[in-house]
PDB file of N, CA and C in Angstrom:
ATOM      1  N   MET A   1      64.870-104.536 -54.756  1.00  0.00           N
ATOM      2  CA  MET A   1      64.148-105.054 -56.012  1.00  0.00           C
ATOM      3  C   MET A   1      64.819-106.537 -55.764  1.00  0.00           C
ATOM      4  N   LYS A   2      63.628-107.269 -55.394  1.00  0.00           N
ATOM      5  CA  LYS A   2      63.475-108.846 -55.212  1.00  0.00           C
ATOM      6  C   LYS A   2      63.242-109.325 -56.946  1.00  0.00           C
ATOM      7  N   TYR A   3      64.269-110.214 -57.050  1.00  0.00           N
ATOM      8  CA  TYR A   3      63.903-110.945 -58.732  1.00  0.00           C
ATOM      9  C   TYR A   3      63.104-111.961 -58.581  1.00  0.00           C
ATOM     10  N   ILE A   4      62.663-112.354 -59.609  1.00  0.00           N
ATOM     11  CA  ILE A   4      61.080-113.495 -59.772  1.00  0.00           C
ATOM     12  C   ILE A   4      61.817-114.768 -59.429  1.00  0.00           C
ATOM     13  N   PHE A   5      63.087-114.881 -59.683  1.00  0.00           N
ATOM     14  CA  PHE A   5      64.046-115.910 -59.900  1.00  0.00           C
ATOM     15  C   PHE A   5      64.756-116.406 -58.354  1.00  0.00           C
ATOM     16  N   GLU A   6      64.750-115.550 -57.666  1.00  0.00           N
ATOM     17  CA  GLU A   6      65.371-115.344 -56.240  1.00  0.00           C
ATOM     18  C   GLU A   6      64.747-116.733 -55.409  1.00  0.00           C
ATOM     19  N   GLU A   7      63.375-116.859 -55.295  1.00  0.00           N
ATOM     20  CA  GLU A   7      62.593-117.493 -54.584  1.00  0.00           C
ATOM     21  C   GLU A   7      63.119-119.178 -54.914  1.00  0.00           C
ATOM     22  N   ILE A   8      63.805-119.495 -55.972  1.00  0.00           N
ATOM     23  CA  ILE A   8      63.520-120.764 -56.407  1.00  0.00           C
ATOM     24  C   ILE A   8      65.363-121.323 -56.514  1.00  0.00           C
ATOM     25  N   ILE A   9      65.623-120.420 -56.806  1.00  0.00           N
ATOM     26  CA  ILE A   9      68.043-120.402 -57.406  1.00  0.00           C
ATOM     27  C   ILE A   9      68.174-119.711 -56.072  1.00  0.00           C
ATOM     28  N   GLN A  10      69.292-121.293 -55.972  1.00  0.00           N
ATOM     29  CA  GLN A  10      70.264-121.039 -54.916  1.00  0.00           C
ATOM     30  C   GLN A  10      71.799-120.302 -55.198  1.00  0.00           C
ATOM     31  N   THR A  11      72.179-119.280 -54.626  1.00  0.00           N
ATOM     32  CA  THR A  11      73.171-118.763 -54.812  1.00  0.00           C
ATOM     33  C   THR A  11      74.146-118.710 -53.755  1.00  0.00           C
ATOM     34  N   ASP A  12      74.637-119.162 -52.992  1.00  0.00           N
ATOM     35  CA  ASP A  12      75.200-120.010 -52.013  1.00  0.00           C
ATOM     36  C   ASP A  12      76.792-119.958 -52.192  1.00  0.00           C
ATOM     37  N   ASN A  13      76.829-120.621 -52.981  1.00  0.00           N
ATOM     38  CA  ASN A  13      77.647-121.352 -53.593  1.00  0.00           C
ATOM     39  C   ASN A  13      78.863-120.425 -54.041  1.00  0.00           C
ATOM     40  N   ILE A  14      78.471-119.381 -54.925  1.00  0.00           N
ATOM     41  CA  ILE A  14      79.209-118.344 -55.175  1.00  0.00           C
ATOM     42  C   ILE A  14      79.262-117.448 -54.703  1.00  0.00           C
ATOM     43  N   PHE A  15      78.423-117.015 -53.866  1.00  0.00           N
ATOM     44  CA  PHE A  15      78.571-116.001 -52.218  1.00  0.00           C
ATOM     45  C   PHE A  15      79.463-116.507 -51.874  1.00  0.00           C
ATOM     46  N   LEU A  16      79.450-117.571 -51.234  1.00  0.00           N
ATOM     47  CA  LEU A  16      81.013-117.918 -50.574  1.00  0.00           C
ATOM     48  C   LEU A  16      82.421-117.620 -51.028  1.00  0.00           C
ATOM     49  N   ILE A  17      82.253-118.224 -52.295  1.00  0.00           N
ATOM     50  CA  ILE A  17      83.317-117.952 -53.270  1.00  0.00           C
ATOM     51  C   ILE A  17      83.704-116.532 -52.958  1.00  0.00           C
ATOM     52  N   ILE A  18      83.149-115.748 -53.231  1.00  0.00           N
ATOM     53  CA  ILE A  18      82.764-113.850 -53.568  1.00  0.00           C
ATOM     54  C   ILE A  18      83.605-113.959 -52.068  1.00  0.00           C
ATOM     55  N   GLU A  19      82.662-114.207 -50.795  1.00  0.00           N
ATOM     56  CA  GLU A  19      83.552-114.107 -49.510  1.00  0.00           C
ATOM     57  C   GLU A  19      85.074-114.250 -49.078  1.00  0.00           C
ATOM     58  N   GLU A  20      85.585-115.382 -49.974  1.00  0.00           N
ATOM     59  CA  GLU A  20      87.193-116.274 -49.762  1.00  0.00           C
ATOM     60  C   GLU A  20      87.739-114.618 -50.555  1.00  0.00           C
ATOM     61  N   HIS A  21      87.514-114.377 -52.058  1.00  0.00           N
ATOM     62  CA  HIS A  21      88.498-113.754 -52.981  1.00  0.00           C
ATOM     63  C   HIS A  21      88.536-112.265 -52.317  1.00  0.00           C
ATOM     64  N   PHE A  22      87.580-111.578 -51.774  1.00  0.00           N
ATOM     65  CA  PHE A  22      87.349-110.384 -51.753  1.00  0.00           C
ATOM     66  C   PHE A  22      87.521-109.446 -50.597  1.00  0.00           C
ATOM     67  N   ASP A  23      88.150-108.807 -50.009  1.00  0.00           N
ATOM     68  CA  ASP A  23      88.540-108.534 -48.279  1.00  0.00           C
ATOM     69  C   ASP A  23      87.279-107.487 -48.163  1.00  0.00           C
ATOM     70  N   ASP A  24      87.501-106.533 -49.118  1.00  0.00           N
ATOM     71  CA  ASP A  24      86.672-105.439 -48.809  1.00  0.00           C
ATOM     72  C   ASP A  24      84.954-105.211 -49.139  1.00  0.00           C
ATOM     73  N   ASP A  25      84.392-105.329 -47.773  1.00  0.00           N
ATOM     74  CA  ASP A  25      82.970-104.941 -48.101  1.00  0.00           C
ATOM     75  C   ASP A  25      82.356-104.758 -49.076  1.00  0.00           C
ATOM     76  N   THR A  26      82.610-103.816 -49.121  1.00  0.00           N
ATOM     77  CA  THR A  26      81.770-102.753 -50.664  1.00  0.00           C
ATOM     78  C   THR A  26      81.934-103.643 -51.847  1.00  0.00           C
ATOM     79  N   GLU A  27      83.378-104.050 -51.900  1.00  0.00           N
ATOM     80  CA  GLU A  27      83.363-104.695 -53.414  1.00  0.00           C
ATOM     81  C   GLU A  27      82.543-106.140 -53.161  1.00  0.00           C
ATOM     82  N   LYS A  28      82.571-106.902 -51.942  1.00  0.00           N
ATOM     83  CA  LYS A  28      81.643-108.051 -52.133  1.00  0.00           C
ATOM     84  C   LYS A  28      80.084-107.745 -52.113  1.00  0.00           C
ATOM     85  N   GLU A  29      79.831-106.674 -51.836  1.00  0.00           N
ATOM     86  CA  GLU A  29      78.526-106.564 -51.977  1.00  0.00           C
ATOM     87  C   GLU A  29      78.017-106.680 -53.456  1.00  0.00           C
ATOM     88  N   TYR A  30      79.543-104.917 -54.012  1.00  0.00           N
ATOM     89  CA  TYR A  30      79.008-105.363 -55.564  1.00  0.00           C
ATOM     90  C   TYR A  30      78.816-106.157 -56.388  1.00  0.00           C
ATOM     91  N   MET A  31      79.777-107.081 -55.766  1.00  0.00           N
ATOM     92  CA  MET A  31      80.371-108.349 -56.660  1.00  0.00           C
ATOM     93  C   MET A  31      79.097-109.322 -56.662  1.00  0.00           C
ATOM     94  N   LYS A  32      78.497-109.537 -55.291  1.00  0.00           N
ATOM     95  CA  LYS A  32      76.953-110.181 -54.980  1.00  0.00           C
ATOM     96  C   LYS A  32      75.804-109.448 -55.778  1.00  0.00           C
ATOM     97  N   ASN A  33      76.217-108.398 -56.156  1.00  0.00           N
ATOM     98  CA  ASN A  33      74.733-107.954 -56.638  1.00  0.00           C
ATOM     99  C   ASN A  33      75.098-107.729 -58.039  1.00  0.00           C
ATOM    100  N   VAL A  34      76.456-108.161 -58.813  1.00  0.00           N
ATOM    101  CA  VAL A  34      76.803-108.310 -60.348  1.00  0.00           C
ATOM    102  C   VAL A  34      76.116-109.829 -60.426  1.00  0.00           C
ATOM    103  N   ILE A  35      76.046-111.208 -59.523  1.00  0.00           N
ATOM    104  CA  ILE A  35      76.041-111.708 -59.553  1.00  0.00           C
ATOM    105  C   ILE A  35      74.399-112.269 -59.686  1.00  0.00           C
ATOM    106  N   ARG A  36      73.641-111.663 -59.050  1.00  0.00           N
ATOM    107  CA  ARG A  36      72.292-111.552 -59.485  1.00  0.00           C
ATOM    108  C   ARG A  36      71.727-110.921 -60.512  1.00  0.00           C
ATOM    109  N   ASP A  37      72.491-109.725 -60.672  1.00  0.00           N
ATOM    110  CA  ASP A  37      72.181-109.309 -61.946  1.00  0.00           C
ATOM    111  C   ASP A  37      72.086-110.448 -63.159  1.00  0.00           C
ATOM    112  N   THR A  38      73.601-110.954 -63.252  1.00  0.00           N
ATOM    113  CA  THR A  38      73.536-111.937 -64.132  1.00  0.00           C
ATOM    114  C   THR A  38      72.752-113.110 -64.275  1.00  0.00           C
ATOM    115  N   ILE A  39      72.581-113.604 -63.224  1.00  0.00           N
ATOM    116  CA  ILE A  39      71.496-114.863 -63.367  1.00  0.00           C
ATOM    117  C   ILE A  39      70.419-114.147 -63.561  1.00  0.00           C
ATOM    118  N   HIS A  40      70.126-113.196 -63.172  1.00  0.00           N
ATOM    119  CA  HIS A  40      68.605-112.860 -63.555  1.00  0.00           C
ATOM    120  C   HIS A  40      68.336-112.838 -65.232  1.00  0.00           C
ATOM    121  N   HIS A  41      69.037-111.992 -65.216  1.00  0.00           N
ATOM    122  CA  HIS A  41      69.278-111.496 -67.288  1.00  0.00           C
ATOM    123  C   HIS A  41      69.348-113.262 -67.778  1.00  0.00           C
ATOM    124  N   LYS A  42      70.379-114.112 -67.499  1.00  0.00           N
ATOM    125  CA  LYS A  42      70.188-115.202 -68.597  1.00  0.00           C
ATOM    126  C   LYS A  42      69.148-115.785 -67.852  1.00  0.00           C
ATOM    127  N   LEU A  43      68.407-115.919 -67.142  1.00  0.00           N
ATOM    128  CA  LEU A  43      67.372-116.825 -66.627  1.00  0.00           C
ATOM    129  C   LEU A  43      65.821-116.315 -67.479  1.00  0.00           C
ATOM    130  N   MET A  44      65.856-114.813 -67.558  1.00  0.00           N
ATOM    131  CA  MET A  44      64.485-113.800 -67.938  1.00  0.00           C
ATOM    132  C   MET A  44      65.164-114.181 -69.613  1.00  0.00           C
ATOM    133  N   ASP A  45      66.121-114.483 -70.253  1.00  0.00           N
ATOM    134  CA  ASP A  45      66.735-114.954 -71.458  1.00  0.00           C
ATOM    135  C   ASP A  45      66.231-116.201 -71.800  1.00  0.00           C
ATOM    136  N   MET A  46      66.519-116.911 -71.439  1.00  0.00           N
ATOM    137  CA  MET A  46      65.970-118.647 -71.210  1.00  0.00           C
ATOM    138  C   MET A  46      64.343-118.402 -71.078  1.00  0.00           C
ATOM    139  N   VAL A  47      63.888-117.610 -70.232  1.00  0.00           N
ATOM    140  CA  VAL A  47      62.488-117.814 -70.072  1.00  0.00           C
ATOM    141  C   VAL A  47      61.918-117.269 -71.238  1.00  0.00           C
ATOM    142  N   LEU A  48      62.054-116.333 -72.086  1.00  0.00           N
ATOM    143  CA  LEU A  48      61.472-115.243 -73.189  1.00  0.00           C
ATOM    144  C   LEU A  48      61.621-115.940 -74.177  1.00  0.00           C
ATOM    145  N   ASP A  49      63.049-117.174 -74.366  1.00  0.00           N
ATOM    146  CA  ASP A  49      63.057-118.190 -75.542  1.00  0.00           C
ATOM    147  C   ASP A  49      61.937-118.978 -75.488  1.00  0.00           C
ATOM    148  N   GLU A  50      61.488-119.205 -74.286  1.00  0.00           N
ATOM    149  CA  GLU A  50      60.538-120.542 -74.006  1.00  0.00           C
ATOM    150  C   GLU A  50      59.086-120.004 -74.436  1.00  0.00           C
ATOM    151  N   LEU A  51      58.760-119.004 -74.479  1.00  0.00           N
ATOM    152  CA  LEU A  51      57.366-117.994 -74.500  1.00  0.00           C
ATOM    153  C   LEU A  51      56.804-117.842 -76.059  1.00  0.00           C
ATOM    154  N   ASP A  52      55.978-118.331 -75.905  1.00  0.00           N
ATOM    155  CA  ASP A  52      55.095-116.668 -77.347  1.00  0.00           C
ATOM    156  C   ASP A  52      55.191-115.842 -77.153  1.00  0.00           C
ATOM    157  N   GLU A  53      54.882-115.158 -78.011  1.00  0.00           N
ATOM    158  CA  GLU A  53      54.810-113.619 -78.383  1.00  0.00           C
ATOM    159  C   GLU A  53      53.062-113.057 -77.315  1.00  0.00           C
ATOM    160  N   GLU A  54      52.589-114.047 -76.926  1.00  0.00           N
ATOM    161  CA  GLU A  54      51.469-113.629 -76.362  1.00  0.00           C
ATOM    162  C   GLU A  54      51.945-113.406 -74.713  1.00  0.00           C
ATOM    163  N   LYS A  55      52.497-114.652 -74.084  1.00  0.00           N
ATOM    164  CA  LYS A  55      53.140-115.501 -72.995  1.00  0.00           C
ATOM    165  C   LYS A  55      53.820-114.410 -72.313  1.00  0.00           C
ATOM    166  N   ARG A  56      54.681-114.009 -73.396  1.00  0.00           N
ATOM    167  CA  ARG A  56      56.226-113.046 -73.233  1.00  0.00           C
ATOM    168  C   ARG A  56      55.285-111.633 -72.822  1.00  0.00           C
ATOM    169  N   VAL A  57      54.356-111.156 -73.945  1.00  0.00           N
ATOM    170  CA  VAL A  57      53.463-109.688 -72.734  1.00  0.00           C
ATOM    171  C   VAL A  57      53.278-109.743 -71.761  1.00  0.00           C
ATOM    172  N   LEU A  58      52.448-111.285 -71.147  1.00  0.00           N
ATOM    173  CA  LEU A  58      52.070-111.454 -70.433  1.00  0.00           C
ATOM    174  C   LEU A  58      53.179-111.446 -68.949  1.00  0.00           C
ATOM    175  N   PHE A  59      53.605-112.250 -69.051  1.00  0.00           N
ATOM    176  CA  PHE A  59      55.297-112.324 -68.591  1.00  0.00           C
ATOM    177  C   PHE A  59      56.046-111.227 -67.971  1.00  0.00           C
ATOM    178  N   LEU A  60      55.894-110.017 -68.887  1.00  0.00           N
ATOM    179  CA  LEU A  60      57.052-109.180 -69.226  1.00  0.00           C
ATOM    180  C   LEU A  60      55.886-107.822 -68.250  1.00  0.00           C
ATOM    181  N   ALA A  61      55.003-107.936 -68.127  1.00  0.00           N
ATOM    182  CA  ALA A  61      54.305-107.316 -67.475  1.00  0.00           C
ATOM    183  C   ALA A  61      54.119-106.851 -66.221  1.00  0.00           C
ATOM    184  N   GLU A  62      54.346-108.522 -65.960  1.00  0.00           N
ATOM    185  CA  GLU A  62      54.126-108.425 -64.679  1.00  0.00           C
ATOM    186  C   GLU A  62      55.290-109.104 -63.498  1.00  0.00           C
ATOM    187  N   ALA A  63      56.508-109.010 -64.209  1.00  0.00           N
ATOM    188  CA  ALA A  63      57.634-109.631 -63.754  1.00  0.00           C
ATOM    189  C   ALA A  63      58.385-108.952 -62.788  1.00  0.00           C
ATOM    190  N   ASP A  64      57.952-107.689 -62.687  1.00  0.00           N
ATOM    191  CA  ASP A  64      58.550-106.020 -62.083  1.00  0.00           C
ATOM    192  C   ASP A  64      57.651-106.542 -60.715  1.00  0.00           C
ATOM    193  N   ASP A  65      56.382-106.794 -60.965  1.00  0.00           N
ATOM    194  CA  ASP A  65      56.026-107.080 -59.929  1.00  0.00           C
ATOM    195  C   ASP A  65      55.597-107.503 -58.415  1.00  0.00           C
ATOM    196  N   GLU A  66      56.451-107.686 -57.565  1.00  0.00           N
ATOM    197  CA  GLU A  66      56.992-108.460 -56.561  1.00  0.00           C
ATOM    198  C   GLU A  66      55.682-109.701 -55.840  1.00  0.00           C
ATOM    199  N   SER A  67      54.378-108.810 -55.682  1.00  0.00           N
ATOM    200  CA  SER A  67      53.427-109.344 -55.046  1.00  0.00           C
ATOM    201  C   SER A  67      53.085-110.156 -56.281  1.00  0.00           C
ATOM    202  N   LYS A  68      53.439-110.321 -57.400  1.00  0.00           N
ATOM    203  CA  LYS A  68      52.784-111.533 -58.541  1.00  0.00           C
ATOM    204  C   LYS A  68      53.554-112.523 -58.570  1.00  0.00           C
ATOM    205  N   HIS A  69      54.776-112.410 -58.355  1.00  0.00           N
ATOM    206  CA  HIS A  69      55.947-113.538 -58.302  1.00  0.00           C
ATOM    207  C   HIS A  69      55.126-114.837 -58.344  1.00  0.00           C
ATOM    208  N   PRO A  70      54.723-114.877 -57.127  1.00  0.00           N
ATOM    209  CA  PRO A  70      54.970-116.536 -56.450  1.00  0.00           C
ATOM    210  C   PRO A  70      53.331-116.855 -58.049  1.00  0.00           C
ATOM    211  N   ASN A  71      52.442-116.737 -58.308  1.00  0.00           N
ATOM    212  CA  ASN A  71      51.641-116.474 -59.072  1.00  0.00           C
ATOM    213  C   ASN A  71      52.303-117.125 -60.514  1.00  0.00           C
ATOM    214  N   LEU A  72      52.849-115.856 -60.979  1.00  0.00           N
ATOM    215  CA  LEU A  72      54.003-115.997 -62.100  1.00  0.00           C
ATOM    216  C   LEU A  72      54.444-116.715 -62.625  1.00  0.00           C
ATOM    217  N   LEU A  73      55.004-117.385 -61.132  1.00  0.00           N
ATOM    218  CA  LEU A  73      56.339-119.066 -61.240  1.00  0.00           C
ATOM    219  C   LEU A  73      55.020-120.128 -61.469  1.00  0.00           C
ATOM    220  N   GLU A  74      53.857-120.058 -61.192  1.00  0.00           N
ATOM    221  CA  GLU A  74      53.116-121.021 -61.444  1.00  0.00           C
ATOM    222  C   GLU A  74      52.705-121.307 -62.702  1.00  0.00           C
ATOM    223  N   ARG A  75      52.443-120.312 -63.318  1.00  0.00           N
ATOM    224  CA  ARG A  75      52.200-119.787 -64.954  1.00  0.00           C
ATOM    225  C   ARG A  75      53.555-120.606 -65.429  1.00  0.00           C
ATOM    226  N   LEU A  76      54.430-119.862 -65.277  1.00  0.00           N
ATOM    227  CA  LEU A  76      56.010-120.183 -66.148  1.00  0.00           C
ATOM    228  C   LEU A  76      55.903-122.010 -66.162  1.00  0.00           C
ATOM    229  N   LYS A  77      55.240-121.976 -65.360  1.00  0.00           N
ATOM    230  CA  LYS A  77      55.567-123.983 -64.930  1.00  0.00           C
ATOM    231  C   LYS A  77      54.619-124.871 -65.411  1.00  0.00           C
ATOM    232  N   GLU A  78      53.185-124.061 -65.810  1.00  0.00           N
ATOM    233  CA  GLU A  78      52.680-124.326 -66.896  1.00  0.00           C
ATOM    234  C   GLU A  78      52.883-124.368 -68.176  1.00  0.00           C
ATOM    235  N   TRP A  79      53.524-122.988 -68.638  1.00  0.00           N
ATOM    236  CA  TRP A  79      53.936-122.750 -69.897  1.00  0.00           C
ATOM    237  C   TRP A  79      55.132-123.206 -70.836  1.00  0.00           C
ATOM    238  N   VAL A  80      55.932-123.890 -69.438  1.00  0.00           N
ATOM    239  CA  VAL A  80      57.065-123.564 -70.647  1.00  0.00           C
ATOM    240  C   VAL A  80      57.512-125.146 -69.722  1.00  0.00           C
ATOM    241  N   ASP A  81      58.057-125.796 -70.557  1.00  0.00           N
ATOM    242  CA  ASP A  81      58.120-127.625 -70.184  1.00  0.00           C
ATOM    243  C   ASP A  81      59.599-128.091 -69.593  1.00  0.00           C
ATOM    244  N   ARG A  82      58.941-128.659 -68.293  1.00  0.00           N
ATOM    245  CA  ARG A  82      60.241-129.120 -67.059  1.00  0.00           C
ATOM    246  C   ARG A  82      60.717-127.317 -67.295  1.00  0.00           C
ATOM    247  N   PHE A  83      59.765-126.321 -66.620  1.00  0.00           N
ATOM    248  CA  PHE A  83      60.237-125.167 -66.102  1.00  0.00           C
ATOM    249  C   PHE A  83      61.541-125.108 -64.960  1.00  0.00           C
ATOM    250  N   GLU A  84      61.361-126.110 -64.199  1.00  0.00           N
ATOM    251  CA  GLU A  84      62.392-125.914 -63.105  1.00  0.00           C
ATOM    252  C   GLU A  84      63.366-126.323 -63.469  1.00  0.00           C
ATOM    253  N   ASP A  85      63.413-127.859 -64.535  1.00  0.00           N
ATOM    254  CA  ASP A  85      65.004-128.418 -64.674  1.00  0.00           C
ATOM    255  C   ASP A  85      65.694-127.380 -65.165  1.00  0.00           C
ATOM    256  N   LYS A  86      64.855-126.728 -66.106  1.00  0.00           N
ATOM    257  CA  LYS A  86      65.472-125.678 -67.129  1.00  0.00           C
ATOM    258  C   LYS A  86      65.857-124.497 -66.637  1.00  0.00           C
ATOM    259  N   ILE A  87      65.551-123.919 -65.454  1.00  0.00           N
ATOM    260  CA  ILE A  87      65.742-122.902 -65.107  1.00  0.00           C
ATOM    261  C   ILE A  87      66.942-123.008 -63.908  1.00  0.00           C
ATOM    262  N   HIS A  88      66.880-124.514 -63.244  1.00  0.00           N
ATOM    263  CA  HIS A  88      68.083-124.377 -62.308  1.00  0.00           C
ATOM    264  C   HIS A  88      69.023-124.964 -63.168  1.00  0.00           C
ATOM    265  N   SER A  89      69.433-125.814 -64.273  1.00  0.00           N
ATOM    266  CA  SER A  89      70.478-125.976 -64.804  1.00  0.00           C
ATOM    267  C   SER A  89      70.851-124.445 -65.750  1.00  0.00           C
ATOM    268  N   ARG A  90      70.122-123.380 -66.115  1.00  0.00           N
ATOM    269  CA  ARG A  90      70.435-122.320 -66.701  1.00  0.00           C
ATOM    270  C   ARG A  90      71.522-121.745 -65.512  1.00  0.00           C
ATOM    271  N   ALA A  91      70.697-121.741 -64.499  1.00  0.00           N
ATOM    272  CA  ALA A  91      71.467-120.846 -63.416  1.00  0.00           C
ATOM    273  C   ALA A  91      72.609-121.711 -62.934  1.00  0.00           C
ATOM    274  N   ARG A  92      72.419-123.096 -63.148  1.00  0.00           N
ATOM    275  CA  ARG A  92      74.192-124.113 -62.739  1.00  0.00           C
ATOM    276  C   ARG A  92      74.832-123.513 -63.597  1.00  0.00           C
ATOM    277  N   GLU A  93      74.432-123.339 -64.900  1.00  0.00           N
ATOM    278  CA  GLU A  93      75.405-122.863 -65.940  1.00  0.00           C
ATOM    279  C   GLU A  93      75.857-121.296 -65.866  1.00  0.00           C
ATOM    280  N   ALA A  94      75.216-120.489 -65.420  1.00  0.00           N
ATOM    281  CA  ALA A  94      75.371-118.995 -64.778  1.00  0.00           C
ATOM    282  C   ALA A  94      76.558-119.071 -63.879  1.00  0.00           C
ATOM    283  N   GLU A  95      76.415-119.575 -62.845  1.00  0.00           N
ATOM    284  CA  GLU A  95      77.016-119.551 -61.921  1.00  0.00           C
ATOM    285  C   GLU A  95      78.239-120.282 -62.175  1.00  0.00           C
ATOM    286  N   SER A  96      78.343-121.359 -62.291  1.00  0.00           N
ATOM    287  CA  SER A  96      79.857-121.768 -63.158  1.00  0.00           C
ATOM    288  C   SER A  96      80.711-120.789 -64.195  1.00  0.00           C
ATOM    289  N   GLU A  97      79.952-120.444 -65.021  1.00  0.00           N
ATOM    290  CA  GLU A  97      80.478-119.490 -65.312  1.00  0.00           C
ATOM    291  C   GLU A  97      81.004-118.675 -64.830  1.00  0.00           C
ATOM    292  N   MET A  98      80.791-117.248 -63.791  1.00  0.00           N
ATOM    293  CA  MET A  98      80.911-116.708 -62.894  1.00  0.00           C
ATOM    294  C   MET A  98      82.303-117.148 -62.011  1.00  0.00           C
ATOM    295  N   ILE A  99      82.014-118.390 -61.737  1.00  0.00           N
ATOM    296  CA  ILE A  99      82.846-119.082 -60.662  1.00  0.00           C
ATOM    297  C   ILE A  99      84.082-118.867 -61.628  1.00  0.00           C
ATOM    298  N   ASN A 100      84.169-119.276 -62.517  1.00  0.00           N
ATOM    299  CA  ASN A 100      85.739-119.373 -63.450  1.00  0.00           C
ATOM    300  C   ASN A 100      86.199-118.107 -63.359  1.00  0.00           C
ATOM    301  N   LEU A 101      85.392-116.596 -63.634  1.00  0.00           N
ATOM    302  CA  LEU A 101      86.342-115.634 -63.948  1.00  0.00           C
ATOM    303  C   LEU A 101      86.563-115.081 -62.714  1.00  0.00           C
ATOM    304  N   ILE A 102      86.110-115.436 -61.178  1.00  0.00           N
ATOM    305  CA  ILE A 102      85.856-114.694 -60.079  1.00  0.00           C
ATOM    306  C   ILE A 102      87.535-115.822 -59.876  1.00  0.00           C
ATOM    307  N   ARG A 103      87.560-117.249 -60.069  1.00  0.00           N
ATOM    308  CA  ARG A 103      88.868-117.682 -59.875  1.00  0.00           C
ATOM    309  C   ARG A 103      90.216-117.159 -60.491  1.00  0.00           C
ATOM    310  N   VAL A 104      89.785-116.809 -62.200  1.00  0.00           N
ATOM    311  CA  VAL A 104      90.958-116.553 -62.203  1.00  0.00           C
ATOM    312  C   VAL A 104      91.442-115.683 -62.389  1.00  0.00           C
ATOM    313  N   GLU A 105      90.871-114.191 -61.727  1.00  0.00           N
ATOM    314  CA  GLU A 105      91.061-113.039 -61.088  1.00  0.00           C
ATOM    315  C   GLU A 105      92.250-113.033 -59.753  1.00  0.00           C
TER     316      GLU A 105
END
């Protein structure tokens, strides 16, 4: 499954850190999936907080359908003030939090 925000969010930095810190390919893939899932959930939470009830329902009804992602992203740009700035900022925060956790281990 492809997450709605994967088209606009870059995760290259944290994936490079995963490559450096983990030797086992299975472990690397697992960590990459954890990162994708975590960023996705944090971004979904941010978006849902920004939407009113009606738009929340519309968004959730289409978020799992990959074919609707491009149109849905365009709608989010209309519905959420400074959507792209907010989404990139939240993604960077989440990535930074996870990088710090990886480096501690």
